[in-house]
């Protein structure tokens, strides 16, 4: 499907960027499953990209913690042990080790690498999936992942528009100071949170959209919004664009939204680079499937 096809559906307007991306720039992508999907697209084309080094993150507060630690490194890393494995409340279950010191070094190196990537980056894509965060009851600390620990350890908290806006404001102030040339691209994940009920999921998305809109008005020179959420819900509203769970976007939908990003936010040279690189990308994907 091509983005310009308009029969039997409405097209969500994506304003063309006056200063589009080019292929030699550096990109960091943090956030929900959708950030992971788009980040993997950047990586698959050999672009200078860093994508979710600590796993997918859904709420603004957890993302803010990761950014702060990466740039300032001023907080004690909350490592803990489950069985023989050491883990961190700020990372997902893929980052583990049986040796505490080695695990701490791995985490420190990962945060240092993310900080370096942010300072070098031209664009930071932040994708928020939910306004719901989980906080440890013992110290009120927000976690990025619950690691399947007992639910009694956590308090579920839905951030309101004001608290989301405050978190994003703090992120922007930190980035302005530490990464003054960085452009921040906000998106809201089209993934629907059935866990919270579909009405609750919509309320969460509305909260995030309002907060992001406020920040984009406060920082018009440093931020922009890409309407991935609107494209999925308005252009691709048919269930054939969803995965088997009928909640996640299907690969065809991710590819379509990627093409809208390419057409409107990348310069001509970068678009040609992606076309030229496509045979290499397909060959690599084929090898990955066969191994």
C-alpha atoms as a PDB file:
ATOM      1  CA  UNK A   1       0.000   0.000   0.000  1.00  0.00           C
ATOM      2  CA  UNK A   2       1.240   3.467  -0.889  1.00  0.00           C
ATOM      3  CA  UNK A   3       0.738   6.426   1.401  1.00  0.00           C
ATOM      4  CA  UNK A   4      -0.843   8.522  -1.346  1.00  0.00           C
ATOM      5  CA  UNK A   5      -3.765   6.131  -1.878  1.00  0.00           C
ATOM      6  CA  UNK A   6      -6.914   7.806  -0.597  1.00  0.00           C
ATOM      7  CA  UNK A   7      -9.798   5.646  -1.803  1.00  0.00           C
ATOM      8  CA  UNK A   8     -12.310   4.723   0.925  1.00  0.00           C
ATOM      9  CA  UNK A   9     -10.347   6.335   3.728  1.00  0.00           C
ATOM     10  CA  UNK A  10      -9.167   9.619   5.137  1.00  0.00           C
ATOM     11  CA  UNK A  11      -5.516  10.636   5.215  1.00  0.00           C
ATOM     12  CA  UNK A  12      -3.968  12.110   8.328  1.00  0.00           C
ATOM     13  CA  UNK A  13      -1.965  15.187   7.423  1.00  0.00           C
ATOM     14  CA  UNK A  14       1.724  14.945   8.281  1.00  0.00           C
ATOM     15  CA  UNK A  15       3.299  18.375   7.753  1.00  0.00           C
ATOM     16  CA  UNK A  16       6.556  18.190   5.843  1.00  0.00           C
ATOM     17  CA  UNK A  17       9.490  19.148   8.001  1.00  0.00           C
ATOM     18  CA  UNK A  18      11.217  22.355   6.948  1.00  0.00           C
ATOM     19  CA  UNK A  19      14.477  20.874   8.247  1.00  0.00           C
ATOM     20  CA  UNK A  20      14.167  17.175   7.403  1.00  0.00           C
ATOM     21  CA  UNK A  21      16.442  14.425   8.673  1.00  0.00           C
ATOM     22  CA  UNK A  22      19.447  13.308   6.648  1.00  0.00           C
ATOM     23  CA  UNK A  23      21.232   9.987   6.597  1.00  0.00           C
ATOM     24  CA  UNK A  24      24.410  11.052   8.390  1.00  0.00           C
ATOM     25  CA  UNK A  25      22.621  12.271  11.484  1.00  0.00           C
ATOM     26  CA  UNK A  26      22.375  10.354  14.762  1.00  0.00           C
ATOM     27  CA  UNK A  27      19.146   9.114  16.316  1.00  0.00           C
ATOM     28  CA  UNK A  28      18.035   7.859  19.725  1.00  0.00           C
ATOM     29  CA  UNK A  29      14.666   6.189  20.210  1.00  0.00           C
ATOM     30  CA  UNK A  30      13.179   5.503  23.632  1.00  0.00           C
ATOM     31  CA  UNK A  31       9.782   4.326  24.748  1.00  0.00           C
ATOM     32  CA  UNK A  32       7.080   1.798  24.049  1.00  0.00           C
ATOM     33  CA  UNK A  33       6.779  -1.084  21.609  1.00  0.00           C
ATOM     34  CA  UNK A  34       6.192   1.388  18.789  1.00  0.00           C
ATOM     35  CA  UNK A  35       9.500   3.133  19.508  1.00  0.00           C
ATOM     36  CA  UNK A  36      11.094  -0.304  19.344  1.00  0.00           C
ATOM     37  CA  UNK A  37       9.466  -1.021  15.973  1.00  0.00           C
ATOM     38  CA  UNK A  38      10.555   2.274  14.425  1.00  0.00           C
ATOM     39  CA  UNK A  39      13.974   2.060  16.067  1.00  0.00           C
ATOM     40  CA  UNK A  40      14.509  -1.326  14.493  1.00  0.00           C
ATOM     41  CA  UNK A  41      13.683   0.240  11.125  1.00  0.00           C
ATOM     42  CA  UNK A  42      16.411   2.851  11.643  1.00  0.00           C
ATOM     43  CA  UNK A  43      18.873   0.141  12.650  1.00  0.00           C
ATOM     44  CA  UNK A  44      17.939  -2.156   9.764  1.00  0.00           C
ATOM     45  CA  UNK A  45      18.970   0.565   7.295  1.00  0.00           C
ATOM     46  CA  UNK A  46      22.374   0.994   8.903  1.00  0.00           C
ATOM     47  CA  UNK A  47      21.597   4.445  10.287  1.00  0.00           C
ATOM     48  CA  UNK A  48      23.400   5.831  13.346  1.00  0.00           C
ATOM     49  CA  UNK A  49      20.800   4.760  15.909  1.00  0.00           C
ATOM     50  CA  UNK A  50      20.383   3.766  19.529  1.00  0.00           C
ATOM     51  CA  UNK A  51      17.112   2.092  20.430  1.00  0.00           C
ATOM     52  CA  UNK A  52      15.813   1.235  23.897  1.00  0.00           C
ATOM     53  CA  UNK A  53      19.067  -0.051  25.436  1.00  0.00           C
ATOM     54  CA  UNK A  54      17.138  -0.941  28.619  1.00  0.00           C
ATOM     55  CA  UNK A  55      14.129  -2.446  26.875  1.00  0.00           C
ATOM     56  CA  UNK A  56      10.744  -0.969  26.068  1.00  0.00           C
ATOM     57  CA  UNK A  57       9.445   1.690  28.451  1.00  0.00           C
ATOM     58  CA  UNK A  58       5.848   2.816  28.537  1.00  0.00           C
ATOM     59  CA  UNK A  59       5.322   5.809  30.810  1.00  0.00           C
ATOM     60  CA  UNK A  60       6.957   9.271  30.793  1.00  0.00           C
ATOM     61  CA  UNK A  61       8.287   8.997  34.348  1.00  0.00           C
ATOM     62  CA  UNK A  62      10.329   5.846  33.666  1.00  0.00           C
ATOM     63  CA  UNK A  63      11.745   7.349  30.475  1.00  0.00           C
ATOM     64  CA  UNK A  64      12.662  10.508  32.372  1.00  0.00           C
ATOM     65  CA  UNK A  65      14.568   8.454  34.953  1.00  0.00           C
ATOM     66  CA  UNK A  66      16.596   6.734  32.236  1.00  0.00           C
ATOM     67  CA  UNK A  67      17.436  10.013  30.509  1.00  0.00           C
ATOM     68  CA  UNK A  68      18.463  11.684  33.766  1.00  0.00           C
ATOM     69  CA  UNK A  69      20.667   8.785  34.817  1.00  0.00           C
ATOM     70  CA  UNK A  70      22.254   8.640  31.363  1.00  0.00           C
ATOM     71  CA  UNK A  71      23.086  12.351  31.335  1.00  0.00           C
ATOM     72  CA  UNK A  72      23.820  13.037  35.009  1.00  0.00           C
ATOM     73  CA  UNK A  73      24.459   9.663  36.614  1.00  0.00           C
ATOM     74  CA  UNK A  74      23.520  11.148  39.980  1.00  0.00           C
ATOM     75  CA  UNK A  75      21.221   8.415  41.298  1.00  0.00           C
ATOM     76  CA  UNK A  76      21.965   5.121  43.026  1.00  0.00           C
ATOM     77  CA  UNK A  77      21.072   2.334  40.631  1.00  0.00           C
ATOM     78  CA  UNK A  78      18.336   0.156  42.171  1.00  0.00           C
ATOM     79  CA  UNK A  79      19.656  -3.350  41.635  1.00  0.00           C
ATOM     80  CA  UNK A  80      18.068  -6.315  43.349  1.00  0.00           C
ATOM     81  CA  UNK A  81      18.272 -10.087  43.292  1.00  0.00           C
ATOM     82  CA  UNK A  82      15.672 -12.634  42.219  1.00  0.00           C
ATOM     83  CA  UNK A  83      16.939 -16.140  42.784  1.00  0.00           C
ATOM     84  CA  UNK A  84      20.489 -16.136  41.440  1.00  0.00           C
ATOM     85  CA  UNK A  85      19.928 -13.272  39.019  1.00  0.00           C
ATOM     86  CA  UNK A  86      20.709  -9.601  39.616  1.00  0.00           C
ATOM     87  CA  UNK A  87      18.359  -7.135  37.951  1.00  0.00           C
ATOM     88  CA  UNK A  88      17.568  -3.411  37.894  1.00  0.00           C
ATOM     89  CA  UNK A  89      14.223  -1.686  38.359  1.00  0.00           C
ATOM     90  CA  UNK A  90      15.162   0.743  35.580  1.00  0.00           C
ATOM     91  CA  UNK A  91      15.738  -1.965  32.974  1.00  0.00           C
ATOM     92  CA  UNK A  92      13.820  -4.895  31.562  1.00  0.00           C
ATOM     93  CA  UNK A  93      14.279  -8.605  32.168  1.00  0.00           C
ATOM     94  CA  UNK A  94      16.846  -9.030  29.387  1.00  0.00           C
ATOM     95  CA  UNK A  95      19.518  -7.283  31.453  1.00  0.00           C
ATOM     96  CA  UNK A  96      20.534  -9.747  34.146  1.00  0.00           C
ATOM     97  CA  UNK A  97      23.676 -11.313  35.585  1.00  0.00           C
ATOM     98  CA  UNK A  98      24.555 -13.765  38.321  1.00  0.00           C
ATOM     99  CA  UNK A  99      27.427 -11.552  39.519  1.00  0.00           C
ATOM    100  CA  UNK A 100      26.431  -8.281  41.207  1.00  0.00           C
ATOM    101  CA  UNK A 101      29.602  -6.295  40.488  1.00  0.00           C
ATOM    102  CA  UNK A 102      29.664  -7.362  36.858  1.00  0.00           C
ATOM    103  CA  UNK A 103      25.978  -6.464  36.532  1.00  0.00           C
ATOM    104  CA  UNK A 104      26.538  -3.026  38.030  1.00  0.00           C
ATOM    105  CA  UNK A 105      29.388  -2.420  35.602  1.00  0.00           C
ATOM    106  CA  UNK A 106      27.200  -3.506  32.696  1.00  0.00           C
ATOM    107  CA  UNK A 107      24.459  -1.113  33.783  1.00  0.00           C
ATOM    108  CA  UNK A 108      26.886   1.749  34.297  1.00  0.00           C
ATOM    109  CA  UNK A 109      28.407   1.215  30.869  1.00  0.00           C
ATOM    110  CA  UNK A 110      24.946   1.065  29.292  1.00  0.00           C
ATOM    111  CA  UNK A 111      23.878   4.347  30.901  1.00  0.00           C
ATOM    112  CA  UNK A 112      27.176   5.970  29.919  1.00  0.00           C
ATOM    113  CA  UNK A 113      26.679   4.795  26.328  1.00  0.00           C
ATOM    114  CA  UNK A 114      23.140   6.169  26.285  1.00  0.00           C
ATOM    115  CA  UNK A 115      24.376   9.501  27.640  1.00  0.00           C
ATOM    116  CA  UNK A 116      27.018   9.676  24.930  1.00  0.00           C
ATOM    117  CA  UNK A 117      24.438   8.761  22.291  1.00  0.00           C
ATOM    118  CA  UNK A 118      22.078  11.503  23.510  1.00  0.00           C
ATOM    119  CA  UNK A 119      24.823  14.142  23.424  1.00  0.00           C
ATOM    120  CA  UNK A 120      25.787  13.089  19.913  1.00  0.00           C
ATOM    121  CA  UNK A 121      22.219  12.683  18.636  1.00  0.00           C
ATOM    122  CA  UNK A 122      20.456  15.077  16.309  1.00  0.00           C
ATOM    123  CA  UNK A 123      17.025  13.590  17.057  1.00  0.00           C
ATOM    124  CA  UNK A 124      15.492  11.920  20.080  1.00  0.00           C
ATOM    125  CA  UNK A 125      12.240  10.053  19.447  1.00  0.00           C
ATOM    126  CA  UNK A 126      10.137   9.591  22.588  1.00  0.00           C
ATOM    127  CA  UNK A 127       7.128   7.296  22.302  1.00  0.00           C
ATOM    128  CA  UNK A 128       4.738   7.089  25.237  1.00  0.00           C
ATOM    129  CA  UNK A 129       2.387   4.167  25.563  1.00  0.00           C
ATOM    130  CA  UNK A 130       0.633   4.774  28.855  1.00  0.00           C
ATOM    131  CA  UNK A 131       0.273   7.248  31.686  1.00  0.00           C
ATOM    132  CA  UNK A 132       0.167   4.386  34.198  1.00  0.00           C
ATOM    133  CA  UNK A 133       3.316   3.802  36.219  1.00  0.00           C
ATOM    134  CA  UNK A 134       4.201   1.344  38.943  1.00  0.00           C
ATOM    135  CA  UNK A 135       5.944   2.518  42.091  1.00  0.00           C
ATOM    136  CA  UNK A 136       7.629   0.485  44.775  1.00  0.00           C
ATOM    137  CA  UNK A 137       5.680   0.868  47.985  1.00  0.00           C
ATOM    138  CA  UNK A 138       8.858   0.828  50.083  1.00  0.00           C
ATOM    139  CA  UNK A 139      10.299   4.035  48.596  1.00  0.00           C
ATOM    140  CA  UNK A 140       7.761   5.345  46.020  1.00  0.00           C
ATOM    141  CA  UNK A 141      10.277   4.832  43.198  1.00  0.00           C
ATOM    142  CA  UNK A 142       8.854   4.378  39.703  1.00  0.00           C
ATOM    143  CA  UNK A 143      10.038   1.235  37.963  1.00  0.00           C
ATOM    144  CA  UNK A 144      10.459   0.633  34.250  1.00  0.00           C
ATOM    145  CA  UNK A 145       9.638  -3.054  34.614  1.00  0.00           C
ATOM    146  CA  UNK A 146       8.049  -5.083  37.399  1.00  0.00           C
ATOM    147  CA  UNK A 147      10.134  -8.197  36.605  1.00  0.00           C
ATOM    148  CA  UNK A 148       7.126 -10.381  37.480  1.00  0.00           C
ATOM    149  CA  UNK A 149       7.702  -9.567  41.134  1.00  0.00           C
ATOM    150  CA  UNK A 150       4.689  -9.929  43.497  1.00  0.00           C
ATOM    151  CA  UNK A 151       2.062  -7.274  42.879  1.00  0.00           C
ATOM    152  CA  UNK A 152       1.935  -6.426  46.565  1.00  0.00           C
ATOM    153  CA  UNK A 153       5.310  -4.680  46.165  1.00  0.00           C
ATOM    154  CA  UNK A 154       3.865  -2.013  43.852  1.00  0.00           C
ATOM    155  CA  UNK A 155       1.343   0.763  43.762  1.00  0.00           C
ATOM    156  CA  UNK A 156      -0.292   1.427  40.392  1.00  0.00           C
ATOM    157  CA  UNK A 157      -0.518   5.148  39.694  1.00  0.00           C
ATOM    158  CA  UNK A 158      -2.161   6.885  36.728  1.00  0.00           C
ATOM    159  CA  UNK A 159      -0.444  10.189  36.038  1.00  0.00           C
ATOM    160  CA  UNK A 160      -2.750  13.099  35.273  1.00  0.00           C
ATOM    161  CA  UNK A 161      -2.121  15.670  32.558  1.00  0.00           C
ATOM    162  CA  UNK A 162      -0.407  18.084  34.936  1.00  0.00           C
ATOM    163  CA  UNK A 163       2.044  15.521  36.286  1.00  0.00           C
ATOM    164  CA  UNK A 164       2.832  14.212  32.784  1.00  0.00           C
ATOM    165  CA  UNK A 165       3.455  17.765  31.609  1.00  0.00           C
ATOM    166  CA  UNK A 166       5.734  18.444  34.568  1.00  0.00           C
ATOM    167  CA  UNK A 167       7.790  15.318  33.846  1.00  0.00           C
ATOM    168  CA  UNK A 168       8.139  16.258  30.172  1.00  0.00           C
ATOM    169  CA  UNK A 169       9.021  19.824  31.103  1.00  0.00           C
ATOM    170  CA  UNK A 170      11.829  18.540  33.330  1.00  0.00           C
ATOM    171  CA  UNK A 171      13.074  16.299  30.515  1.00  0.00           C
ATOM    172  CA  UNK A 172      13.172  19.210  28.099  1.00  0.00           C
ATOM    173  CA  UNK A 173      15.002  21.482  30.534  1.00  0.00           C
ATOM    174  CA  UNK A 174      17.630  18.813  31.141  1.00  0.00           C
ATOM    175  CA  UNK A 175      18.036  18.133  27.425  1.00  0.00           C
ATOM    176  CA  UNK A 176      18.311  21.854  26.644  1.00  0.00           C
ATOM    177  CA  UNK A 177      21.178  22.091  29.116  1.00  0.00           C
ATOM    178  CA  UNK A 178      23.022  18.871  28.290  1.00  0.00           C
ATOM    179  CA  UNK A 179      22.123  18.439  24.596  1.00  0.00           C
ATOM    180  CA  UNK A 180      21.368  21.945  23.288  1.00  0.00           C
ATOM    181  CA  UNK A 181      21.238  20.961  19.611  1.00  0.00           C
ATOM    182  CA  UNK A 182      18.943  17.970  20.092  1.00  0.00           C
ATOM    183  CA  UNK A 183      15.520  17.896  18.444  1.00  0.00           C
ATOM    184  CA  UNK A 184      12.858  15.886  20.290  1.00  0.00           C
ATOM    185  CA  UNK A 185      10.164  14.084  18.297  1.00  0.00           C
ATOM    186  CA  UNK A 186       7.187  12.994  20.379  1.00  0.00           C
ATOM    187  CA  UNK A 187       4.851  10.188  19.397  1.00  0.00           C
ATOM    188  CA  UNK A 188       2.075   8.357  21.215  1.00  0.00           C
ATOM    189  CA  UNK A 189       1.958   4.624  20.703  1.00  0.00           C
ATOM    190  CA  UNK A 190      -1.102   3.284  18.846  1.00  0.00           C
ATOM    191  CA  UNK A 191      -0.963   0.125  20.987  1.00  0.00           C
ATOM    192  CA  UNK A 192      -4.197  -0.221  22.969  1.00  0.00           C
ATOM    193  CA  UNK A 193      -3.990  -1.267  26.601  1.00  0.00           C
ATOM    194  CA  UNK A 194      -6.745  -3.847  26.986  1.00  0.00           C
ATOM    195  CA  UNK A 195      -5.508  -4.412  30.541  1.00  0.00           C
ATOM    196  CA  UNK A 196      -6.920  -1.037  31.604  1.00  0.00           C
ATOM    197  CA  UNK A 197     -10.129  -1.427  29.608  1.00  0.00           C
ATOM    198  CA  UNK A 198     -10.538   0.277  26.252  1.00  0.00           C
ATOM    199  CA  UNK A 199     -12.132   3.363  27.805  1.00  0.00           C
ATOM    200  CA  UNK A 200      -9.262   3.581  30.295  1.00  0.00           C
ATOM    201  CA  UNK A 201      -6.781   3.115  27.451  1.00  0.00           C
ATOM    202  CA  UNK A 202      -8.330   6.031  25.568  1.00  0.00           C
ATOM    203  CA  UNK A 203      -8.198   8.220  28.657  1.00  0.00           C
ATOM    204  CA  UNK A 204      -4.510   7.370  29.034  1.00  0.00           C
ATOM    205  CA  UNK A 205      -3.819   8.299  25.418  1.00  0.00           C
ATOM    206  CA  UNK A 206      -5.750  11.555  25.828  1.00  0.00           C
ATOM    207  CA  UNK A 207      -3.667  12.433  28.893  1.00  0.00           C
ATOM    208  CA  UNK A 208      -0.442  11.801  26.997  1.00  0.00           C
ATOM    209  CA  UNK A 209      -1.607  13.721  23.930  1.00  0.00           C
ATOM    210  CA  UNK A 210      -2.568  16.750  25.998  1.00  0.00           C
ATOM    211  CA  UNK A 211       0.753  16.748  27.845  1.00  0.00           C
ATOM    212  CA  UNK A 212       2.784  16.375  24.656  1.00  0.00           C
ATOM    213  CA  UNK A 213       0.795  19.140  22.958  1.00  0.00           C
ATOM    214  CA  UNK A 214       1.498  21.467  25.875  1.00  0.00           C
ATOM    215  CA  UNK A 215       5.228  20.757  25.726  1.00  0.00           C
ATOM    216  CA  UNK A 216       5.362  21.237  21.960  1.00  0.00           C
ATOM    217  CA  UNK A 217       3.815  24.689  22.437  1.00  0.00           C
ATOM    218  CA  UNK A 218       6.273  25.525  25.222  1.00  0.00           C
ATOM    219  CA  UNK A 219       9.309  24.376  23.196  1.00  0.00           C
ATOM    220  CA  UNK A 220       8.405  25.023  19.549  1.00  0.00           C
ATOM    221  CA  UNK A 221      12.026  25.248  18.396  1.00  0.00           C
ATOM    222  CA  UNK A 222      13.159  21.993  20.025  1.00  0.00           C
ATOM    223  CA  UNK A 223      10.142  19.707  19.625  1.00  0.00           C
ATOM    224  CA  UNK A 224       7.734  18.283  17.108  1.00  0.00           C
ATOM    225  CA  UNK A 225       4.926  15.737  17.146  1.00  0.00           C
ATOM    226  CA  UNK A 226       4.599  12.880  14.687  1.00  0.00           C
ATOM    227  CA  UNK A 227       1.001  11.560  14.459  1.00  0.00           C
ATOM    228  CA  UNK A 228       1.620   7.796  14.532  1.00  0.00           C
ATOM    229  CA  UNK A 229      -1.355   7.341  16.870  1.00  0.00           C
ATOM    230  CA  UNK A 230      -3.706   9.231  14.571  1.00  0.00           C
ATOM    231  CA  UNK A 231      -2.483   7.447  11.442  1.00  0.00           C
ATOM    232  CA  UNK A 232      -3.176   4.068  13.024  1.00  0.00           C
ATOM    233  CA  UNK A 233      -6.612   4.962  14.345  1.00  0.00           C
ATOM    234  CA  UNK A 234      -7.872   7.086  11.443  1.00  0.00           C
ATOM    235  CA  UNK A 235      -6.155   5.790   8.320  1.00  0.00           C
ATOM    236  CA  UNK A 236      -5.597   2.169   9.309  1.00  0.00           C
ATOM    237  CA  UNK A 237      -8.738   1.575  11.331  1.00  0.00           C
ATOM    238  CA  UNK A 238      -9.427  -1.827   9.729  1.00  0.00           C
ATOM    239  CA  UNK A 239      -8.506  -4.861  11.851  1.00  0.00           C
ATOM    240  CA  UNK A 240      -6.388  -6.260   9.032  1.00  0.00           C
ATOM    241  CA  UNK A 241      -3.788  -3.728  10.121  1.00  0.00           C
ATOM    242  CA  UNK A 242      -3.561  -5.280  13.576  1.00  0.00           C
ATOM    243  CA  UNK A 243      -1.572  -8.274  14.760  1.00  0.00           C
ATOM    244  CA  UNK A 244      -3.275 -11.502  15.814  1.00  0.00           C
ATOM    245  CA  UNK A 245      -3.988 -10.099  19.268  1.00  0.00           C
ATOM    246  CA  UNK A 246      -6.053  -7.330  17.621  1.00  0.00           C
ATOM    247  CA  UNK A 247      -4.240  -4.791  19.818  1.00  0.00           C
ATOM    248  CA  UNK A 248      -0.692  -4.357  18.468  1.00  0.00           C
ATOM    249  CA  UNK A 249      -0.156  -2.841  15.013  1.00  0.00           C
ATOM    250  CA  UNK A 250       0.695  -5.462  12.413  1.00  0.00           C
ATOM    251  CA  UNK A 251       4.011  -5.242  10.497  1.00  0.00           C
ATOM    252  CA  UNK A 252       2.171  -3.831   7.464  1.00  0.00           C
ATOM    253  CA  UNK A 253       0.895  -0.979   9.641  1.00  0.00           C
ATOM    254  CA  UNK A 254       4.341  -0.287  11.090  1.00  0.00           C
ATOM    255  CA  UNK A 255       5.773  -0.229   7.569  1.00  0.00           C
ATOM    256  CA  UNK A 256       3.065   2.163   6.421  1.00  0.00           C
ATOM    257  CA  UNK A 257       3.668   4.583   9.294  1.00  0.00           C
ATOM    258  CA  UNK A 258       7.401   4.317   8.618  1.00  0.00           C
ATOM    259  CA  UNK A 259       6.776   5.346   5.018  1.00  0.00           C
ATOM    260  CA  UNK A 260       4.817   8.382   6.175  1.00  0.00           C
ATOM    261  CA  UNK A 261       7.815   9.319   8.323  1.00  0.00           C
ATOM    262  CA  UNK A 262      10.176   8.797   5.374  1.00  0.00           C
ATOM    263  CA  UNK A 263       8.090  10.846   2.936  1.00  0.00           C
ATOM    264  CA  UNK A 264       7.520  13.829   5.190  1.00  0.00           C
ATOM    265  CA  UNK A 265      10.443  13.977   7.605  1.00  0.00           C
ATOM    266  CA  UNK A 266      13.522  12.855   5.630  1.00  0.00           C
ATOM    267  CA  UNK A 267      15.315  14.737   2.879  1.00  0.00           C
ATOM    268  CA  UNK A 268      15.550  13.496  -0.715  1.00  0.00           C
ATOM    269  CA  UNK A 269      19.088  12.191  -0.285  1.00  0.00           C
ATOM    270  CA  UNK A 270      18.080  10.126   2.754  1.00  0.00           C
ATOM    271  CA  UNK A 271      15.045   8.730   0.948  1.00  0.00           C
ATOM    272  CA  UNK A 272      17.248   7.661  -1.954  1.00  0.00           C
ATOM    273  CA  UNK A 273      19.715   6.111   0.488  1.00  0.00           C
ATOM    274  CA  UNK A 274      16.916   3.983   1.977  1.00  0.00           C
ATOM    275  CA  UNK A 275      15.896   2.804  -1.502  1.00  0.00           C
ATOM    276  CA  UNK A 276      19.480   1.928  -2.388  1.00  0.00           C
ATOM    277  CA  UNK A 277      19.986   0.129   0.924  1.00  0.00           C
ATOM    278  CA  UNK A 278      16.792  -1.927   0.639  1.00  0.00           C
ATOM    279  CA  UNK A 279      18.396  -4.957  -1.116  1.00  0.00           C
ATOM    280  CA  UNK A 280      21.038  -5.147   1.617  1.00  0.00           C
ATOM    281  CA  UNK A 281      18.358  -4.916   4.287  1.00  0.00           C
ATOM    282  CA  UNK A 282      16.254  -7.668   2.707  1.00  0.00           C
ATOM    283  CA  UNK A 283      19.319  -9.896   2.415  1.00  0.00           C
ATOM    284  CA  UNK A 284      20.155  -9.398   6.081  1.00  0.00           C
ATOM    285  CA  UNK A 285      16.579 -10.125   7.117  1.00  0.00           C
ATOM    286  CA  UNK A 286      16.580 -13.288   5.030  1.00  0.00           C
ATOM    287  CA  UNK A 287      19.821 -14.491   6.653  1.00  0.00           C
ATOM    288  CA  UNK A 288      18.392 -13.778  10.100  1.00  0.00           C
ATOM    289  CA  UNK A 289      15.301 -15.879   9.346  1.00  0.00           C
ATOM    290  CA  UNK A 290      17.367 -18.770   7.993  1.00  0.00           C
ATOM    291  CA  UNK A 291      19.801 -18.941  10.928  1.00  0.00           C
END
